[in-house]
Amino acid sequence: MTTAQHHESELLMKIKEELPEEVYKRYDKLAIKCRKGTLTLEEHKELISITDNMENLSAQRIRYLIELAQLRNTTLTELMETLGIKPRTPGKTLKRKRS
């Protein structure tokens, strides 16, 4: 495996990284409580923390996708289509699939 292939492989692994499923389940529960207006102060802090972690992971994933697109000399959109990655719809929680 060449250095470039190894780097691509590392980027693909990083792109696929996710938070543990329990974190997403907890987020979903807290988000429902937030919409209902029944969050406690501690739950609100937890929701903010989980949201921050999710946003940080998403931002890092985008950086890895951009880097991989540049390595493959393609656009970000084309790369995402090739990898089967769809942009998230604001306000909708996507079902996560296990790899």
C-alpha atoms as a PDB file:
ATOM      1  CA  MET A   1       0.000   0.000   0.000  1.00  0.00           C
ATOM      2  CA  THR A   2       1.398   3.376  -1.007  1.00  0.00           C
ATOM      3  CA  THR A   3       1.588   6.308   1.364  1.00  0.00           C
ATOM      4  CA  ALA A   4      -1.288   8.026  -0.480  1.00  0.00           C
ATOM      5  CA  GLN A   5      -3.452   4.892  -0.247  1.00  0.00           C
ATOM      6  CA  HIS A   6      -2.651   4.559   3.441  1.00  0.00           C
ATOM      7  CA  HIS A   7      -3.587   8.203   4.022  1.00  0.00           C
ATOM      8  CA  GLU A   8      -6.881   7.728   2.139  1.00  0.00           C
ATOM      9  CA  SER A   9      -7.612   4.653   4.226  1.00  0.00           C
ATOM     10  CA  GLU A  10      -6.969   6.594   7.450  1.00  0.00           C
ATOM     11  CA  LEU A  11      -9.233   9.423   6.290  1.00  0.00           C
ATOM     12  CA  LEU A  12     -12.035   6.992   5.448  1.00  0.00           C
ATOM     13  CA  MET A  13     -11.801   5.431   8.917  1.00  0.00           C
ATOM     14  CA  LYS A  14     -11.935   8.871  10.529  1.00  0.00           C
ATOM     15  CA  ILE A  15     -14.899   9.895   8.356  1.00  0.00           C
ATOM     16  CA  LYS A  16     -16.823   6.845   9.587  1.00  0.00           C
ATOM     17  CA  GLU A  17     -16.196   7.564  13.283  1.00  0.00           C
ATOM     18  CA  GLU A  18     -19.316   8.140  15.336  1.00  0.00           C
ATOM     19  CA  LEU A  19     -20.225   8.726  18.920  1.00  0.00           C
ATOM     20  CA  PRO A  20     -21.473   5.656  20.816  1.00  0.00           C
ATOM     21  CA  GLU A  21     -25.088   4.680  20.024  1.00  0.00           C
ATOM     22  CA  GLU A  22     -26.055   5.360  23.659  1.00  0.00           C
ATOM     23  CA  VAL A  23     -25.102   9.014  23.194  1.00  0.00           C
ATOM     24  CA  TYR A  24     -27.431   9.354  20.192  1.00  0.00           C
ATOM     25  CA  LYS A  25     -30.253   7.646  22.099  1.00  0.00           C
ATOM     26  CA  ARG A  26     -29.741   9.980  25.051  1.00  0.00           C
ATOM     27  CA  TYR A  27     -29.682  12.974  22.707  1.00  0.00           C
ATOM     28  CA  ASP A  28     -32.989  11.879  21.157  1.00  0.00           C
ATOM     29  CA  LYS A  29     -34.614  11.570  24.607  1.00  0.00           C
ATOM     30  CA  LEU A  30     -33.321  14.946  25.738  1.00  0.00           C
ATOM     31  CA  ALA A  31     -34.332  16.617  22.467  1.00  0.00           C
ATOM     32  CA  ILE A  32     -37.902  15.346  22.912  1.00  0.00           C
ATOM     33  CA  LYS A  33     -37.988  16.663  26.471  1.00  0.00           C
ATOM     34  CA  CYS A  34     -36.605  19.992  25.245  1.00  0.00           C
ATOM     35  CA  ARG A  35     -39.351  20.319  22.627  1.00  0.00           C
ATOM     36  CA  LYS A  36     -41.920  19.542  25.333  1.00  0.00           C
ATOM     37  CA  GLY A  37     -40.334  22.103  27.649  1.00  0.00           C
ATOM     38  CA  THR A  38     -39.724  19.554  30.408  1.00  0.00           C
ATOM     39  CA  LEU A  39     -35.907  19.566  30.636  1.00  0.00           C
ATOM     40  CA  THR A  40     -34.305  20.033  34.037  1.00  0.00           C
ATOM     41  CA  LEU A  41     -31.308  22.352  34.346  1.00  0.00           C
ATOM     42  CA  GLU A  42     -28.948  19.354  34.518  1.00  0.00           C
ATOM     43  CA  GLU A  43     -30.557  17.771  31.455  1.00  0.00           C
ATOM     44  CA  HIS A  44     -30.232  21.064  29.600  1.00  0.00           C
ATOM     45  CA  LYS A  45     -26.511  21.166  30.369  1.00  0.00           C
ATOM     46  CA  GLU A  46     -26.199  17.549  29.234  1.00  0.00           C
ATOM     47  CA  LEU A  47     -28.055  18.306  25.989  1.00  0.00           C
ATOM     48  CA  ILE A  48     -25.728  21.230  25.286  1.00  0.00           C
ATOM     49  CA  SER A  49     -22.683  19.045  25.955  1.00  0.00           C
ATOM     50  CA  ILE A  50     -23.908  16.256  23.676  1.00  0.00           C
ATOM     51  CA  THR A  51     -24.806  18.779  20.975  1.00  0.00           C
ATOM     52  CA  ASP A  52     -21.328  20.326  21.202  1.00  0.00           C
ATOM     53  CA  ASN A  53     -19.737  16.876  20.829  1.00  0.00           C
ATOM     54  CA  MET A  54     -21.936  16.063  17.828  1.00  0.00           C
ATOM     55  CA  GLU A  55     -21.134  19.390  16.163  1.00  0.00           C
ATOM     56  CA  ASN A  56     -17.403  18.969  16.774  1.00  0.00           C
ATOM     57  CA  LEU A  57     -17.489  15.480  15.265  1.00  0.00           C
ATOM     58  CA  SER A  58     -19.433  16.759  12.240  1.00  0.00           C
ATOM     59  CA  ALA A  59     -17.001  19.637  11.709  1.00  0.00           C
ATOM     60  CA  GLN A  60     -14.037  17.273  11.892  1.00  0.00           C
ATOM     61  CA  ARG A  61     -15.755  14.860   9.481  1.00  0.00           C
ATOM     62  CA  ILE A  62     -16.224  17.692   6.967  1.00  0.00           C
ATOM     63  CA  ARG A  63     -12.514  18.573   7.221  1.00  0.00           C
ATOM     64  CA  TYR A  64     -11.616  14.926   6.525  1.00  0.00           C
ATOM     65  CA  LEU A  65     -14.064  14.788   3.601  1.00  0.00           C
ATOM     66  CA  ILE A  66     -12.590  17.950   2.091  1.00  0.00           C
ATOM     67  CA  GLU A  67      -9.076  16.568   2.455  1.00  0.00           C
ATOM     68  CA  LEU A  68     -10.103  13.273   0.831  1.00  0.00           C
ATOM     69  CA  ALA A  69     -11.867  15.107  -2.013  1.00  0.00           C
ATOM     70  CA  GLN A  70      -8.675  17.068  -2.655  1.00  0.00           C
ATOM     71  CA  LEU A  71      -6.601  13.878  -2.650  1.00  0.00           C
ATOM     72  CA  ARG A  72      -8.976  12.311  -5.171  1.00  0.00           C
ATOM     73  CA  ASN A  73      -9.126  15.508  -7.207  1.00  0.00           C
ATOM     74  CA  THR A  74     -12.923  15.685  -7.015  1.00  0.00           C
ATOM     75  CA  THR A  75     -15.559  17.913  -5.494  1.00  0.00           C
ATOM     76  CA  LEU A  76     -16.925  17.451  -2.001  1.00  0.00           C
ATOM     77  CA  THR A  77     -20.393  16.822  -3.438  1.00  0.00           C
ATOM     78  CA  GLU A  78     -19.124  14.147  -5.829  1.00  0.00           C
ATOM     79  CA  LEU A  79     -17.147  12.463  -3.049  1.00  0.00           C
ATOM     80  CA  MET A  80     -20.147  12.418  -0.730  1.00  0.00           C
ATOM     81  CA  GLU A  81     -22.270  10.891  -3.490  1.00  0.00           C
ATOM     82  CA  THR A  82     -19.601   8.255  -4.149  1.00  0.00           C
ATOM     83  CA  LEU A  83     -19.432   7.381  -0.453  1.00  0.00           C
ATOM     84  CA  GLY A  84     -23.223   7.435  -0.063  1.00  0.00           C
ATOM     85  CA  ILE A  85     -23.141  10.317   2.419  1.00  0.00           C
ATOM     86  CA  LYS A  86     -26.200  12.548   2.351  1.00  0.00           C
ATOM     87  CA  PRO A  87     -26.250  16.083   3.775  1.00  0.00           C
ATOM     88  CA  ARG A  88     -28.215  16.329   7.003  1.00  0.00           C
ATOM     89  CA  THR A  89     -31.597  18.027   6.969  1.00  0.00           C
ATOM     90  CA  PRO A  90     -31.820  20.654   9.746  1.00  0.00           C
ATOM     91  CA  GLY A  91     -34.290  19.691  12.455  1.00  0.00           C
ATOM     92  CA  LYS A  92     -34.375  16.007  11.531  1.00  0.00           C
ATOM     93  CA  THR A  93     -32.623  13.307  13.482  1.00  0.00           C
ATOM     94  CA  LEU A  94     -31.219  10.748  11.079  1.00  0.00           C
ATOM     95  CA  LYS A  95     -31.383   7.075  11.888  1.00  0.00           C
ATOM     96  CA  ARG A  96     -27.893   5.839  12.331  1.00  0.00           C
ATOM     97  CA  LYS A  97     -26.922   2.509  10.837  1.00  0.00           C
ATOM     98  CA  ARG A  98     -24.344   0.253  12.295  1.00  0.00           C
ATOM     99  CA  SER A  99     -21.320  -0.524  10.128  1.00  0.00           C
END
